[in-house]
Amino acid sequence: MNIRILSSSPLVGPALKQLGADFPELCVAPFRSIAWRMALPTAEALIGLLSEPLGEADLDLMPRLRVIGTYSVGVNHLPLEACKERGIQVVSTPGVLTDATADLALALLLAVSRRVAEGEALVRSAQWKGWAPDQLLGTGLNNKVCGILGSGPIGRAFAKRVWALGMKPAFWDRDGKGLPVDFGPGLARRLPLEELLPQSAVLSLHCPLTPETRGLLDGRKLARLPQGALVINTARGGILDEPALMDLLARGHLGGVGLDVYEGEPALHPGWLEAPRAVLLPHLGSATVETREAMAELLCKGVARALGGSC
């Protein structure tokens, strides 16, 4: 039969099954497998993952394509201009992963500042000799500035969380209009990047990867962070210069790094495997059952609407 909807993967929860009930011409086939390629000529909808980049050449193989649904909030892995030119709608999952991602960023911050990974490794090594006054001393957060890149929903949700720890949130974003950011419990300053960095005892990334933000934090900018600063990234790997980040960490300028995303992931710069005071996670930002089910439901409903149906 002709494949009308092609998904590269099952999704968490019942939403994809329901979509298949409404559109029986649905096929699940691994990305770039033979079955996936064979379905392209008739596919009107394509559902994929953040880790499955598409190019304009892929669109050439799908003359009937009307909608691409991505199981993510980010769309930097898709050829957006080519989609726009061809009238292909792009459906993503904004909003529903805000709290889960902000929670994970907070978990990384606490793990880095209190050296949780090192502490667990010490206990598991069977070399722990008991409490000591100077053992694995961490960094306090109360009354310090937390610089937040991006004033969207996730950035504001993270600000609310660090405010509860006694930190002082301050923002940079692409608008740069200088107006305060309302993050719920209060208002936070919006600063130029060159002014924000030297004040930030913590710098947390929550902006999308765009041509403007790619490489935004190069070695020169990262070096403007104060001695002992902590860097947290749950946004996208390409926003910062990873080798420069590793160098500042190895030289002791930075106090720690917590990463959930990497440039070129799942490939990892080998330097991270030896990096001191770094907590590394495998892109878990939205990884709760509730969030992934909500993402699937939002995605499938959007695809159904684009095809003129309901889900």
C-alpha atoms as a PDB file:
ATOM      1  CA  MET A   1       0.000   0.000   0.000  1.00  0.00           C
ATOM      2  CA  ASN A   2       1.011   3.614  -0.351  1.00  0.00           C
ATOM      3  CA  ILE A   3       2.556   5.000   2.871  1.00  0.00           C
ATOM      4  CA  ARG A   4       0.909   8.264   3.871  1.00  0.00           C
ATOM      5  CA  ILE A   5       2.657   8.789   7.236  1.00  0.00           C
ATOM      6  CA  LEU A   6       6.228   7.591   7.785  1.00  0.00           C
ATOM      7  CA  SER A   7       7.691   7.555  11.297  1.00  0.00           C
ATOM      8  CA  SER A   8      11.294   6.635  11.942  1.00  0.00           C
ATOM      9  CA  SER A   9      10.590   5.437  15.475  1.00  0.00           C
ATOM     10  CA  PRO A  10       7.863   4.431  17.919  1.00  0.00           C
ATOM     11  CA  LEU A  11       6.974   7.215  20.342  1.00  0.00           C
ATOM     12  CA  VAL A  12       6.354   7.088  24.081  1.00  0.00           C
ATOM     13  CA  GLY A  13       2.695   6.583  24.946  1.00  0.00           C
ATOM     14  CA  PRO A  14      -0.392   5.827  22.808  1.00  0.00           C
ATOM     15  CA  ALA A  15      -0.431   8.873  20.511  1.00  0.00           C
ATOM     16  CA  LEU A  16       1.275   7.293  17.496  1.00  0.00           C
ATOM     17  CA  LYS A  17      -0.985   4.240  17.716  1.00  0.00           C
ATOM     18  CA  GLN A  18      -4.007   6.541  17.729  1.00  0.00           C
ATOM     19  CA  LEU A  19      -2.626   8.410  14.728  1.00  0.00           C
ATOM     20  CA  GLY A  20      -2.299   5.062  12.945  1.00  0.00           C
ATOM     21  CA  ALA A  21      -5.933   4.258  13.737  1.00  0.00           C
ATOM     22  CA  ASP A  22      -6.988   7.522  12.076  1.00  0.00           C
ATOM     23  CA  PHE A  23      -4.529   7.106   9.216  1.00  0.00           C
ATOM     24  CA  PRO A  24      -4.040   3.371   8.523  1.00  0.00           C
ATOM     25  CA  GLU A  25      -1.404   4.120   5.891  1.00  0.00           C
ATOM     26  CA  LEU A  26       1.169   4.705   8.646  1.00  0.00           C
ATOM     27  CA  CYS A  27       4.516   2.944   8.589  1.00  0.00           C
ATOM     28  CA  VAL A  28       7.229   2.819  11.260  1.00  0.00           C
ATOM     29  CA  ALA A  29      10.651   2.170   9.784  1.00  0.00           C
ATOM     30  CA  PRO A  30      14.141   3.045  11.079  1.00  0.00           C
ATOM     31  CA  PHE A  31      15.669   6.251   9.758  1.00  0.00           C
ATOM     32  CA  ARG A  32      17.380   5.699   6.384  1.00  0.00           C
ATOM     33  CA  SER A  33      16.603   1.989   6.399  1.00  0.00           C
ATOM     34  CA  ILE A  34      15.541   0.338   3.141  1.00  0.00           C
ATOM     35  CA  ALA A  35      11.906   0.353   4.263  1.00  0.00           C
ATOM     36  CA  TRP A  36      12.158   4.042   5.210  1.00  0.00           C
ATOM     37  CA  ARG A  37      13.607   4.931   1.801  1.00  0.00           C
ATOM     38  CA  MET A  38      11.003   2.886  -0.061  1.00  0.00           C
ATOM     39  CA  ALA A  39       8.200   4.772   1.673  1.00  0.00           C
ATOM     40  CA  LEU A  40       9.483   8.251   0.808  1.00  0.00           C
ATOM     41  CA  PRO A  41       7.853   8.680  -2.636  1.00  0.00           C
ATOM     42  CA  THR A  42       4.306   8.399  -1.273  1.00  0.00           C
ATOM     43  CA  ALA A  43       4.769   9.905   2.183  1.00  0.00           C
ATOM     44  CA  GLU A  44       2.668  12.969   2.921  1.00  0.00           C
ATOM     45  CA  ALA A  45       3.890  13.217   6.530  1.00  0.00           C
ATOM     46  CA  LEU A  46       7.276  12.409   8.015  1.00  0.00           C
ATOM     47  CA  ILE A  47       7.836  11.959  11.757  1.00  0.00           C
ATOM     48  CA  GLY A  48      11.425  11.960  12.990  1.00  0.00           C
ATOM     49  CA  LEU A  49      13.779  12.579  15.865  1.00  0.00           C
ATOM     50  CA  LEU A  50      16.196  15.357  16.753  1.00  0.00           C
ATOM     51  CA  SER A  51      19.076  12.967  16.036  1.00  0.00           C
ATOM     52  CA  GLU A  52      17.904  12.429  12.437  1.00  0.00           C
ATOM     53  CA  PRO A  53      18.920  15.461  10.349  1.00  0.00           C
ATOM     54  CA  LEU A  54      17.314  16.013   6.987  1.00  0.00           C
ATOM     55  CA  GLY A  55      18.602  17.982   4.016  1.00  0.00           C
ATOM     56  CA  GLU A  56      17.077  19.457   0.891  1.00  0.00           C
ATOM     57  CA  ALA A  57      18.135  16.356  -1.037  1.00  0.00           C
ATOM     58  CA  ASP A  58      15.869  14.289   1.218  1.00  0.00           C
ATOM     59  CA  LEU A  59      12.937  16.541   0.370  1.00  0.00           C
ATOM     60  CA  ASP A  60      13.566  15.874  -3.326  1.00  0.00           C
ATOM     61  CA  LEU A  61      12.723  12.219  -2.665  1.00  0.00           C
ATOM     62  CA  MET A  62       9.345  13.120  -1.127  1.00  0.00           C
ATOM     63  CA  PRO A  63       7.303  14.929  -3.796  1.00  0.00           C
ATOM     64  CA  ARG A  64       4.039  14.478  -1.863  1.00  0.00           C
ATOM     65  CA  LEU A  65       5.346  15.618   1.524  1.00  0.00           C
ATOM     66  CA  ARG A  66       3.054  18.088   3.305  1.00  0.00           C
ATOM     67  CA  VAL A  67       4.310  18.044   6.897  1.00  0.00           C
ATOM     68  CA  ILE A  68       7.389  17.110   8.919  1.00  0.00           C
ATOM     69  CA  GLY A  69       6.850  16.369  12.588  1.00  0.00           C
ATOM     70  CA  THR A  70       9.896  16.385  14.859  1.00  0.00           C
ATOM     71  CA  TYR A  71       9.810  14.784  18.304  1.00  0.00           C
ATOM     72  CA  SER A  72      11.596  17.786  19.808  1.00  0.00           C
ATOM     73  CA  VAL A  73      11.216  21.473  20.488  1.00  0.00           C
ATOM     74  CA  GLY A  74      14.318  22.298  18.411  1.00  0.00           C
ATOM     75  CA  VAL A  75      14.165  22.349  14.612  1.00  0.00           C
ATOM     76  CA  ASN A  76      17.797  23.147  13.770  1.00  0.00           C
ATOM     77  CA  HIS A  77      18.220  19.677  12.220  1.00  0.00           C
ATOM     78  CA  LEU A  78      15.661  20.431   9.496  1.00  0.00           C
ATOM     79  CA  PRO A  79      16.020  22.424   6.213  1.00  0.00           C
ATOM     80  CA  LEU A  80      13.560  25.104   7.240  1.00  0.00           C
ATOM     81  CA  GLU A  81      14.018  27.438   4.278  1.00  0.00           C
ATOM     82  CA  ALA A  82      13.569  24.590   1.812  1.00  0.00           C
ATOM     83  CA  CYS A  83      10.452  23.466   3.671  1.00  0.00           C
ATOM     84  CA  LYS A  84       9.038  26.975   3.529  1.00  0.00           C
ATOM     85  CA  GLU A  85       9.711  27.254  -0.206  1.00  0.00           C
ATOM     86  CA  ARG A  86       7.937  23.945  -0.830  1.00  0.00           C
ATOM     87  CA  GLY A  87       4.989  24.670   1.442  1.00  0.00           C
ATOM     88  CA  ILE A  88       5.921  21.889   3.879  1.00  0.00           C
ATOM     89  CA  GLN A  89       4.652  22.541   7.405  1.00  0.00           C
ATOM     90  CA  VAL A  90       7.006  21.819  10.306  1.00  0.00           C
ATOM     91  CA  VAL A  91       5.451  20.597  13.562  1.00  0.00           C
ATOM     92  CA  SER A  92       7.494  20.471  16.782  1.00  0.00           C
ATOM     93  CA  THR A  93       6.720  20.140  20.491  1.00  0.00           C
ATOM     94  CA  PRO A  94       7.226  23.502  22.251  1.00  0.00           C
ATOM     95  CA  GLY A  95       5.948  24.160  25.738  1.00  0.00           C
ATOM     96  CA  VAL A  96       5.370  20.667  27.062  1.00  0.00           C
ATOM     97  CA  LEU A  97       9.019  19.994  27.948  1.00  0.00           C
ATOM     98  CA  THR A  98       9.662  23.272  29.772  1.00  0.00           C
ATOM     99  CA  ASP A  99       9.569  21.986  33.336  1.00  0.00           C
ATOM    100  CA  ALA A 100      11.387  18.724  32.637  1.00  0.00           C
ATOM    101  CA  THR A 101      14.287  20.515  30.951  1.00  0.00           C
ATOM    102  CA  ALA A 102      14.498  23.203  33.624  1.00  0.00           C
ATOM    103  CA  ASP A 103      14.497  20.484  36.282  1.00  0.00           C
ATOM    104  CA  LEU A 104      17.379  18.699  34.585  1.00  0.00           C
ATOM    105  CA  ALA A 105      19.372  21.922  34.274  1.00  0.00           C
ATOM    106  CA  LEU A 106      18.898  22.439  38.008  1.00  0.00           C
ATOM    107  CA  ALA A 107      19.969  18.835  38.656  1.00  0.00           C
ATOM    108  CA  LEU A 108      23.148  19.441  36.662  1.00  0.00           C
ATOM    109  CA  LEU A 109      23.833  22.674  38.524  1.00  0.00           C
ATOM    110  CA  LEU A 110      23.482  21.008  41.907  1.00  0.00           C
ATOM    111  CA  ALA A 111      25.515  17.988  40.810  1.00  0.00           C
ATOM    112  CA  VAL A 112      28.353  20.209  39.579  1.00  0.00           C
ATOM    113  CA  SER A 113      28.319  22.701  42.445  1.00  0.00           C
ATOM    114  CA  ARG A 114      28.253  19.963  45.117  1.00  0.00           C
ATOM    115  CA  ARG A 115      30.531  17.514  43.221  1.00  0.00           C
ATOM    116  CA  VAL A 116      27.922  14.771  43.324  1.00  0.00           C
ATOM    117  CA  ALA A 117      29.466  12.585  40.600  1.00  0.00           C
ATOM    118  CA  GLU A 118      32.886  12.660  42.275  1.00  0.00           C
ATOM    119  CA  GLY A 119      31.334  11.822  45.619  1.00  0.00           C
ATOM    120  CA  GLU A 120      29.452   8.842  44.253  1.00  0.00           C
ATOM    121  CA  ALA A 121      32.567   7.611  42.443  1.00  0.00           C
ATOM    122  CA  LEU A 122      34.530   7.831  45.693  1.00  0.00           C
ATOM    123  CA  VAL A 123      31.963   5.749  47.580  1.00  0.00           C
ATOM    124  CA  ARG A 124      31.742   3.159  44.794  1.00  0.00           C
ATOM    125  CA  SER A 125      35.549   2.865  44.658  1.00  0.00           C
ATOM    126  CA  ALA A 126      35.578   1.427  48.182  1.00  0.00           C
ATOM    127  CA  GLN A 127      38.366   3.927  48.975  1.00  0.00           C
ATOM    128  CA  TRP A 128      36.275   6.308  51.069  1.00  0.00           C
ATOM    129  CA  LYS A 129      37.832   6.678  54.514  1.00  0.00           C
ATOM    130  CA  GLY A 130      35.021   8.679  56.116  1.00  0.00           C
ATOM    131  CA  TRP A 131      34.151  12.325  56.701  1.00  0.00           C
ATOM    132  CA  ALA A 132      36.959  14.882  56.397  1.00  0.00           C
ATOM    133  CA  PRO A 133      36.896  18.696  56.781  1.00  0.00           C
ATOM    134  CA  ASP A 134      38.180  19.431  53.276  1.00  0.00           C
ATOM    135  CA  GLN A 135      36.709  16.468  51.400  1.00  0.00           C
ATOM    136  CA  LEU A 136      35.216  17.344  48.000  1.00  0.00           C
ATOM    137  CA  LEU A 137      34.395  20.913  48.911  1.00  0.00           C
ATOM    138  CA  GLY A 138      31.790  22.359  46.590  1.00  0.00           C
ATOM    139  CA  THR A 139      30.549  25.827  45.708  1.00  0.00           C
ATOM    140  CA  GLY A 140      27.692  27.643  47.431  1.00  0.00           C
ATOM    141  CA  LEU A 141      25.065  29.310  45.249  1.00  0.00           C
ATOM    142  CA  ASN A 142      23.175  31.640  47.580  1.00  0.00           C
ATOM    143  CA  ASN A 143      23.300  35.356  46.683  1.00  0.00           C
ATOM    144  CA  LYS A 144      25.302  34.756  43.484  1.00  0.00           C
ATOM    145  CA  VAL A 145      24.356  35.833  39.957  1.00  0.00           C
ATOM    146  CA  CYS A 146      23.049  33.179  37.578  1.00  0.00           C
ATOM    147  CA  GLY A 147      23.433  34.285  33.974  1.00  0.00           C
ATOM    148  CA  ILE A 148      20.781  32.740  31.722  1.00  0.00           C
ATOM    149  CA  LEU A 149      21.088  32.737  27.944  1.00  0.00           C
ATOM    150  CA  GLY A 150      17.571  32.798  26.553  1.00  0.00           C
ATOM    151  CA  SER A 151      14.440  34.294  28.122  1.00  0.00           C
ATOM    152  CA  GLY A 152      11.988  31.809  26.643  1.00  0.00           C
ATOM    153  CA  PRO A 153       9.840  29.440  28.722  1.00  0.00           C
ATOM    154  CA  ILE A 154      12.709  27.124  29.723  1.00  0.00           C
ATOM    155  CA  GLY A 155      15.036  29.974  30.651  1.00  0.00           C
ATOM    156  CA  ARG A 156      12.342  31.606  32.770  1.00  0.00           C
ATOM    157  CA  ALA A 157      11.459  28.283  34.430  1.00  0.00           C
ATOM    158  CA  PHE A 158      15.124  27.748  35.286  1.00  0.00           C
ATOM    159  CA  ALA A 159      15.317  31.287  36.705  1.00  0.00           C
ATOM    160  CA  LYS A 160      12.424  30.474  39.028  1.00  0.00           C
ATOM    161  CA  ARG A 161      14.294  27.418  40.282  1.00  0.00           C
ATOM    162  CA  VAL A 162      17.612  29.131  40.948  1.00  0.00           C
ATOM    163  CA  TRP A 163      15.796  32.078  42.546  1.00  0.00           C
ATOM    164  CA  ALA A 164      14.407  29.563  45.046  1.00  0.00           C
ATOM    165  CA  LEU A 165      18.027  28.668  45.884  1.00  0.00           C
ATOM    166  CA  GLY A 166      18.776  32.299  46.692  1.00  0.00           C
ATOM    167  CA  MET A 167      20.468  33.139  43.389  1.00  0.00           C
ATOM    168  CA  LYS A 168      20.003  36.344  41.383  1.00  0.00           C
ATOM    169  CA  PRO A 169      18.884  35.551  37.813  1.00  0.00           C
ATOM    170  CA  ALA A 170      19.998  37.807  34.956  1.00  0.00           C
ATOM    171  CA  PHE A 171      19.279  37.266  31.268  1.00  0.00           C
ATOM    172  CA  TRP A 172      20.704  37.705  27.803  1.00  0.00           C
ATOM    173  CA  ASP A 173      18.565  36.985  24.764  1.00  0.00           C
ATOM    174  CA  ARG A 174      18.524  37.662  21.047  1.00  0.00           C
ATOM    175  CA  ASP A 175      16.015  40.501  21.402  1.00  0.00           C
ATOM    176  CA  GLY A 176      18.414  42.500  23.538  1.00  0.00           C
ATOM    177  CA  LYS A 177      15.867  45.246  24.221  1.00  0.00           C
ATOM    178  CA  GLY A 178      17.045  45.851  27.753  1.00  0.00           C
ATOM    179  CA  LEU A 179      13.624  45.366  29.336  1.00  0.00           C
ATOM    180  CA  PRO A 180      13.424  43.299  32.546  1.00  0.00           C
ATOM    181  CA  VAL A 181      12.358  39.662  32.270  1.00  0.00           C
ATOM    182  CA  ASP A 182       9.345  38.559  34.317  1.00  0.00           C
ATOM    183  CA  PHE A 183      10.181  34.996  35.422  1.00  0.00           C
ATOM    184  CA  GLY A 184       7.274  34.600  37.852  1.00  0.00           C
ATOM    185  CA  PRO A 185       8.492  35.362  41.370  1.00  0.00           C
ATOM    186  CA  GLY A 186      10.077  38.614  40.236  1.00  0.00           C
ATOM    187  CA  LEU A 187      11.806  40.630  37.534  1.00  0.00           C
ATOM    188  CA  ALA A 188      15.360  39.988  36.379  1.00  0.00           C
ATOM    189  CA  ARG A 189      17.776  42.204  34.498  1.00  0.00           C
ATOM    190  CA  ARG A 190      18.318  41.715  30.763  1.00  0.00           C
ATOM    191  CA  LEU A 191      21.953  42.534  29.948  1.00  0.00           C
ATOM    192  CA  PRO A 192      24.292  42.631  26.955  1.00  0.00           C
ATOM    193  CA  LEU A 193      26.395  39.470  26.820  1.00  0.00           C
ATOM    194  CA  GLU A 194      29.676  41.291  27.465  1.00  0.00           C
ATOM    195  CA  GLU A 195      28.164  42.733  30.648  1.00  0.00           C
ATOM    196  CA  LEU A 196      26.443  39.547  31.795  1.00  0.00           C
ATOM    197  CA  LEU A 197      29.405  37.161  31.554  1.00  0.00           C
ATOM    198  CA  PRO A 198      31.780  38.765  34.100  1.00  0.00           C
ATOM    199  CA  GLN A 199      28.978  38.789  36.705  1.00  0.00           C
ATOM    200  CA  SER A 200      27.834  35.194  36.246  1.00  0.00           C
ATOM    201  CA  ALA A 201      28.964  32.740  38.906  1.00  0.00           C
ATOM    202  CA  VAL A 202      26.728  30.325  36.979  1.00  0.00           C
ATOM    203  CA  LEU A 203      26.030  30.497  33.250  1.00  0.00           C
ATOM    204  CA  SER A 204      23.177  28.338  31.970  1.00  0.00           C
ATOM    205  CA  LEU A 205      22.267  28.014  28.289  1.00  0.00           C
ATOM    206  CA  HIS A 206      18.597  27.957  27.275  1.00  0.00           C
ATOM    207  CA  CYS A 207      18.559  29.561  23.816  1.00  0.00           C
ATOM    208  CA  PRO A 208      17.892  27.764  20.508  1.00  0.00           C
ATOM    209  CA  LEU A 209      20.666  26.952  18.052  1.00  0.00           C
ATOM    210  CA  THR A 210      20.302  29.400  15.161  1.00  0.00           C
ATOM    211  CA  PRO A 211      22.774  31.007  12.765  1.00  0.00           C
ATOM    212  CA  GLU A 212      22.984  33.875  15.268  1.00  0.00           C
ATOM    213  CA  THR A 213      23.701  31.706  18.307  1.00  0.00           C
ATOM    214  CA  ARG A 214      25.956  29.104  16.678  1.00  0.00           C
ATOM    215  CA  GLY A 215      29.410  29.629  18.183  1.00  0.00           C
ATOM    216  CA  LEU A 216      28.031  32.442  20.355  1.00  0.00           C
ATOM    217  CA  LEU A 217      30.305  31.540  23.277  1.00  0.00           C
ATOM    218  CA  ASP A 218      33.816  31.312  21.861  1.00  0.00           C
ATOM    219  CA  GLY A 219      36.972  31.065  23.925  1.00  0.00           C
ATOM    220  CA  ARG A 220      37.271  34.834  24.357  1.00  0.00           C
ATOM    221  CA  LYS A 221      33.741  35.185  25.714  1.00  0.00           C
ATOM    222  CA  LEU A 222      33.994  32.139  27.966  1.00  0.00           C
ATOM    223  CA  ALA A 223      37.194  33.538  29.451  1.00  0.00           C
ATOM    224  CA  ARG A 224      35.206  36.595  30.617  1.00  0.00           C
ATOM    225  CA  LEU A 225      33.389  34.418  33.138  1.00  0.00           C
ATOM    226  CA  PRO A 226      34.705  34.953  36.676  1.00  0.00           C
ATOM    227  CA  GLN A 227      37.173  32.592  38.299  1.00  0.00           C
ATOM    228  CA  GLY A 228      35.408  29.445  39.476  1.00  0.00           C
ATOM    229  CA  ALA A 229      32.250  29.961  37.386  1.00  0.00           C
ATOM    230  CA  LEU A 230      30.037  26.986  36.550  1.00  0.00           C
ATOM    231  CA  VAL A 231      28.675  26.406  33.022  1.00  0.00           C
ATOM    232  CA  ILE A 232      25.481  24.408  32.410  1.00  0.00           C
ATOM    233  CA  ASN A 233      24.215  23.515  28.932  1.00  0.00           C
ATOM    234  CA  THR A 234      20.872  21.833  28.285  1.00  0.00           C
ATOM    235  CA  ALA A 235      20.233  23.777  25.037  1.00  0.00           C
ATOM    236  CA  ARG A 236      22.407  22.766  22.062  1.00  0.00           C
ATOM    237  CA  GLY A 237      26.070  21.856  21.783  1.00  0.00           C
ATOM    238  CA  GLY A 238      26.916  24.170  18.895  1.00  0.00           C
ATOM    239  CA  ILE A 239      26.252  27.311  20.931  1.00  0.00           C
ATOM    240  CA  LEU A 240      29.594  27.139  22.722  1.00  0.00           C
ATOM    241  CA  ASP A 241      33.184  26.256  21.837  1.00  0.00           C
ATOM    242  CA  GLU A 242      33.700  22.907  23.560  1.00  0.00           C
ATOM    243  CA  PRO A 243      37.527  22.737  23.236  1.00  0.00           C
ATOM    244  CA  ALA A 244      37.783  26.246  24.720  1.00  0.00           C
ATOM    245  CA  LEU A 245      35.438  25.207  27.533  1.00  0.00           C
ATOM    246  CA  MET A 246      37.592  22.150  28.253  1.00  0.00           C
ATOM    247  CA  ASP A 247      40.741  24.250  28.262  1.00  0.00           C
ATOM    248  CA  LEU A 248      39.329  26.752  30.768  1.00  0.00           C
ATOM    249  CA  LEU A 249      38.167  23.855  32.929  1.00  0.00           C
ATOM    250  CA  ALA A 250      41.553  22.102  32.822  1.00  0.00           C
ATOM    251  CA  ARG A 251      43.382  25.339  33.696  1.00  0.00           C
ATOM    252  CA  GLY A 252      41.150  25.867  36.714  1.00  0.00           C
ATOM    253  CA  HIS A 253      39.497  29.053  35.482  1.00  0.00           C
ATOM    254  CA  LEU A 254      36.103  27.344  35.552  1.00  0.00           C
ATOM    255  CA  GLY A 255      34.878  25.558  38.652  1.00  0.00           C
ATOM    256  CA  GLY A 256      32.812  22.952  36.815  1.00  0.00           C
ATOM    257  CA  VAL A 257      30.728  22.113  33.774  1.00  0.00           C
ATOM    258  CA  GLY A 258      27.428  20.251  33.419  1.00  0.00           C
ATOM    259  CA  LEU A 259      26.424  19.159  29.919  1.00  0.00           C
ATOM    260  CA  ASP A 260      23.377  17.378  28.542  1.00  0.00           C
ATOM    261  CA  VAL A 261      24.059  18.277  24.888  1.00  0.00           C
ATOM    262  CA  TYR A 262      27.112  18.215  22.636  1.00  0.00           C
ATOM    263  CA  GLU A 263      28.116  19.407  19.204  1.00  0.00           C
ATOM    264  CA  GLY A 264      27.862  16.498  16.785  1.00  0.00           C
ATOM    265  CA  GLU A 265      26.144  14.233  19.317  1.00  0.00           C
ATOM    266  CA  PRO A 266      26.042  11.318  19.858  1.00  0.00           C
ATOM    267  CA  ALA A 267      29.704  11.615  18.905  1.00  0.00           C
ATOM    268  CA  LEU A 268      31.553  13.083  21.866  1.00  0.00           C
ATOM    269  CA  HIS A 269      34.768  15.069  21.886  1.00  0.00           C
ATOM    270  CA  PRO A 270      37.224  12.603  23.474  1.00  0.00           C
ATOM    271  CA  GLY A 271      38.511  15.311  25.775  1.00  0.00           C
ATOM    272  CA  TRP A 272      35.295  15.190  27.766  1.00  0.00           C
ATOM    273  CA  LEU A 273      36.050  11.651  28.909  1.00  0.00           C
ATOM    274  CA  GLU A 274      39.086  12.940  30.803  1.00  0.00           C
ATOM    275  CA  ALA A 275      37.753  16.359  31.780  1.00  0.00           C
ATOM    276  CA  PRO A 276      37.885  17.156  35.514  1.00  0.00           C
ATOM    277  CA  ARG A 277      34.822  18.479  37.365  1.00  0.00           C
ATOM    278  CA  ALA A 278      32.477  17.737  34.463  1.00  0.00           C
ATOM    279  CA  VAL A 279      29.081  16.061  34.791  1.00  0.00           C
ATOM    280  CA  LEU A 280      27.999  14.564  31.454  1.00  0.00           C
ATOM    281  CA  LEU A 281      24.482  13.350  30.612  1.00  0.00           C
ATOM    282  CA  PRO A 282      23.121  11.726  27.398  1.00  0.00           C
ATOM    283  CA  HIS A 283      20.588  14.393  26.318  1.00  0.00           C
ATOM    284  CA  LEU A 284      18.008  13.688  29.035  1.00  0.00           C
ATOM    285  CA  GLY A 285      16.372  17.126  29.143  1.00  0.00           C
ATOM    286  CA  SER A 286      12.834  15.972  28.317  1.00  0.00           C
ATOM    287  CA  ALA A 287      13.270  12.397  29.532  1.00  0.00           C
ATOM    288  CA  THR A 288      10.323  11.868  31.838  1.00  0.00           C
ATOM    289  CA  VAL A 289       7.446   9.551  30.966  1.00  0.00           C
ATOM    290  CA  GLU A 290       4.934  12.366  31.348  1.00  0.00           C
ATOM    291  CA  THR A 291       6.865  14.762  29.150  1.00  0.00           C
ATOM    292  CA  ARG A 292       7.635  12.318  26.350  1.00  0.00           C
ATOM    293  CA  GLU A 293       3.973  11.218  26.246  1.00  0.00           C
ATOM    294  CA  ALA A 294       2.851  14.854  26.082  1.00  0.00           C
ATOM    295  CA  MET A 295       5.364  15.537  23.304  1.00  0.00           C
ATOM    296  CA  ALA A 296       4.054  12.578  21.299  1.00  0.00           C
ATOM    297  CA  GLU A 297       0.458  13.697  21.728  1.00  0.00           C
ATOM    298  CA  LEU A 298       1.239  17.274  20.655  1.00  0.00           C
ATOM    299  CA  LEU A 299       3.247  16.051  17.679  1.00  0.00           C
ATOM    300  CA  CYS A 300       0.669  13.556  16.427  1.00  0.00           C
ATOM    301  CA  LYS A 301      -2.189  16.030  16.778  1.00  0.00           C
ATOM    302  CA  GLY A 302      -0.217  18.555  14.763  1.00  0.00           C
ATOM    303  CA  VAL A 303       0.499  16.039  12.011  1.00  0.00           C
ATOM    304  CA  ALA A 304      -3.162  14.994  11.917  1.00  0.00           C
ATOM    305  CA  ARG A 305      -4.303  18.598  11.603  1.00  0.00           C
ATOM    306  CA  ALA A 306      -1.865  19.220   8.778  1.00  0.00           C
ATOM    307  CA  LEU A 307      -3.304  16.248   6.910  1.00  0.00           C
ATOM    308  CA  GLY A 308      -6.863  17.408   7.480  1.00  0.00           C
ATOM    309  CA  GLY A 309      -7.793  14.847  10.107  1.00  0.00           C
ATOM    310  CA  SER A 310      -7.991  14.602  13.880  1.00  0.00           C
ATOM    311  CA  CYS A 311      -6.069  12.658  16.495  1.00  0.00           C
END
